[in-house]
Amino acid sequence: MTSPEDSYRICVRVHPRAKQNNVSRDESGQVHVRTTAAPADGKANKAVVKLLAAYLGVAPSRITLLRGQKHRNKQFLVKDAVNGL
């Protein structure tokens, strides 16, 4: 079971069909995830979860998509995170 202190939400702007996979933050703090995956059949969402997991240093199973299943702006819940962004 996860306590609220160990979890946090992260808002992400997704850029599918990018030239390369990348996770970055802009000047305002917005997280951008660029993925080479196409936004079809949930492929881009799965790729974003893997990229975020590697970036944050957590297992992909600890990241859950809360909002934005079919949109570029998404919100994820990260569980059991030692430190945030």
C-alpha atoms as a PDB file:
ATOM      1  CA  MET A   1       0.000   0.000   0.000  1.00  0.00           C
ATOM      2  CA  THR A   2       1.274   3.458  -0.899  1.00  0.00           C
ATOM      3  CA  SER A   3       0.981   6.445   1.387  1.00  0.00           C
ATOM      4  CA  PRO A   4       0.216   9.864  -0.150  1.00  0.00           C
ATOM      5  CA  GLU A   5       3.714  11.078   0.778  1.00  0.00           C
ATOM      6  CA  ASP A   6       5.253   8.426  -1.484  1.00  0.00           C
ATOM      7  CA  SER A   7       3.134   9.353  -4.515  1.00  0.00           C
ATOM      8  CA  TYR A   8       2.788  12.407  -6.679  1.00  0.00           C
ATOM      9  CA  ARG A   9       1.115  13.521  -9.888  1.00  0.00           C
ATOM     10  CA  ILE A  10       2.990  14.742 -12.907  1.00  0.00           C
ATOM     11  CA  CYS A  11       1.568  16.613 -15.901  1.00  0.00           C
ATOM     12  CA  VAL A  12       3.223  15.797 -19.209  1.00  0.00           C
ATOM     13  CA  ARG A  13       3.007  17.129 -22.759  1.00  0.00           C
ATOM     14  CA  VAL A  14       3.539  14.251 -25.208  1.00  0.00           C
ATOM     15  CA  HIS A  15       5.057  14.642 -28.669  1.00  0.00           C
ATOM     16  CA  PRO A  16       4.450  11.389 -30.602  1.00  0.00           C
ATOM     17  CA  ARG A  17       6.344  10.438 -33.764  1.00  0.00           C
ATOM     18  CA  ALA A  18       9.383  12.448 -32.713  1.00  0.00           C
ATOM     19  CA  LYS A  19      12.789  11.851 -34.273  1.00  0.00           C
ATOM     20  CA  GLN A  20      14.118  10.432 -31.004  1.00  0.00           C
ATOM     21  CA  ASN A  21      12.973   9.556 -27.483  1.00  0.00           C
ATOM     22  CA  ASN A  22      13.569  12.308 -24.946  1.00  0.00           C
ATOM     23  CA  VAL A  23      12.277  13.657 -21.629  1.00  0.00           C
ATOM     24  CA  SER A  24      12.842  17.340 -20.869  1.00  0.00           C
ATOM     25  CA  ARG A  25      11.488  20.326 -18.966  1.00  0.00           C
ATOM     26  CA  ASP A  26      10.971  23.814 -20.331  1.00  0.00           C
ATOM     27  CA  GLU A  27      11.497  27.144 -18.569  1.00  0.00           C
ATOM     28  CA  SER A  28       8.028  27.054 -16.988  1.00  0.00           C
ATOM     29  CA  GLY A  29       8.637  23.571 -15.541  1.00  0.00           C
ATOM     30  CA  GLN A  30       6.367  21.727 -17.981  1.00  0.00           C
ATOM     31  CA  VAL A  31       7.577  18.188 -18.676  1.00  0.00           C
ATOM     32  CA  HIS A  32       7.791  17.221 -22.358  1.00  0.00           C
ATOM     33  CA  VAL A  33       8.134  13.615 -23.460  1.00  0.00           C
ATOM     34  CA  ARG A  34       9.096  13.007 -27.059  1.00  0.00           C
ATOM     35  CA  THR A  35       8.598   9.481 -28.328  1.00  0.00           C
ATOM     36  CA  THR A  36       9.144   7.824 -31.675  1.00  0.00           C
ATOM     37  CA  ALA A  37       6.021   5.709 -31.139  1.00  0.00           C
ATOM     38  CA  ALA A  38       2.860   6.458 -33.086  1.00  0.00           C
ATOM     39  CA  PRO A  39      -0.270   7.475 -31.173  1.00  0.00           C
ATOM     40  CA  ALA A  40      -2.167   4.365 -32.271  1.00  0.00           C
ATOM     41  CA  ASP A  41      -3.432   1.502 -30.125  1.00  0.00           C
ATOM     42  CA  GLY A  42      -1.875   3.020 -26.986  1.00  0.00           C
ATOM     43  CA  LYS A  43       1.673   2.551 -28.279  1.00  0.00           C
ATOM     44  CA  ALA A  44       2.697   6.131 -27.504  1.00  0.00           C
ATOM     45  CA  ASN A  45       1.221   5.933 -23.990  1.00  0.00           C
ATOM     46  CA  LYS A  46       3.182   2.768 -23.249  1.00  0.00           C
ATOM     47  CA  ALA A  47       6.351   4.349 -24.600  1.00  0.00           C
ATOM     48  CA  VAL A  48       5.805   7.460 -22.472  1.00  0.00           C
ATOM     49  CA  VAL A  49       5.413   5.346 -19.328  1.00  0.00           C
ATOM     50  CA  LYS A  50       8.701   3.550 -20.066  1.00  0.00           C
ATOM     51  CA  LEU A  51      10.516   6.832 -20.764  1.00  0.00           C
ATOM     52  CA  LEU A  52       9.153   8.480 -17.608  1.00  0.00           C
ATOM     53  CA  ALA A  53      10.075   5.438 -15.526  1.00  0.00           C
ATOM     54  CA  ALA A  54      13.663   5.536 -16.767  1.00  0.00           C
ATOM     55  CA  TYR A  55      13.846   9.312 -16.238  1.00  0.00           C
ATOM     56  CA  LEU A  56      12.452   9.128 -12.689  1.00  0.00           C
ATOM     57  CA  GLY A  57      14.276   5.944 -11.721  1.00  0.00           C
ATOM     58  CA  VAL A  58      11.177   3.905 -10.886  1.00  0.00           C
ATOM     59  CA  ALA A  59       9.644   0.742 -12.334  1.00  0.00           C
ATOM     60  CA  PRO A  60       7.119   1.279 -15.148  1.00  0.00           C
ATOM     61  CA  SER A  61       4.527  -0.538 -13.020  1.00  0.00           C
ATOM     62  CA  ARG A  62       4.708   2.357 -10.531  1.00  0.00           C
ATOM     63  CA  ILE A  63       3.370   4.845 -13.116  1.00  0.00           C
ATOM     64  CA  THR A  64      -0.350   5.064 -13.879  1.00  0.00           C
ATOM     65  CA  LEU A  65      -2.044   7.216 -16.514  1.00  0.00           C
ATOM     66  CA  LEU A  66      -4.801   9.206 -14.800  1.00  0.00           C
ATOM     67  CA  ARG A  67      -5.982  11.590 -17.525  1.00  0.00           C
ATOM     68  CA  GLY A  68      -5.417  12.175 -21.207  1.00  0.00           C
ATOM     69  CA  GLN A  69      -5.640   8.688 -22.681  1.00  0.00           C
ATOM     70  CA  LYS A  70      -6.200  10.143 -26.156  1.00  0.00           C
ATOM     71  CA  HIS A  71      -4.738  13.634 -25.707  1.00  0.00           C
ATOM     72  CA  ARG A  72      -1.266  15.141 -25.803  1.00  0.00           C
ATOM     73  CA  ASN A  73      -1.605  16.617 -22.321  1.00  0.00           C
ATOM     74  CA  LYS A  74      -1.537  13.775 -19.804  1.00  0.00           C
ATOM     75  CA  GLN A  75      -1.485  13.359 -16.046  1.00  0.00           C
ATOM     76  CA  PHE A  76       0.326  10.450 -14.413  1.00  0.00           C
ATOM     77  CA  LEU A  77       0.439   9.141 -10.861  1.00  0.00           C
ATOM     78  CA  VAL A  78       3.894   8.020  -9.751  1.00  0.00           C
ATOM     79  CA  LYS A  79       3.806   5.609  -6.786  1.00  0.00           C
ATOM     80  CA  ASP A  80       6.581   4.718  -4.351  1.00  0.00           C
ATOM     81  CA  ALA A  81       8.760   7.537  -5.612  1.00  0.00           C
ATOM     82  CA  VAL A  82      11.791   8.396  -3.524  1.00  0.00           C
ATOM     83  CA  ASN A  83      12.142  11.855  -5.069  1.00  0.00           C
ATOM     84  CA  GLY A  84      10.111  13.900  -7.516  1.00  0.00           C
ATOM     85  CA  LEU A  85      11.135  15.960 -10.481  1.00  0.00           C
END
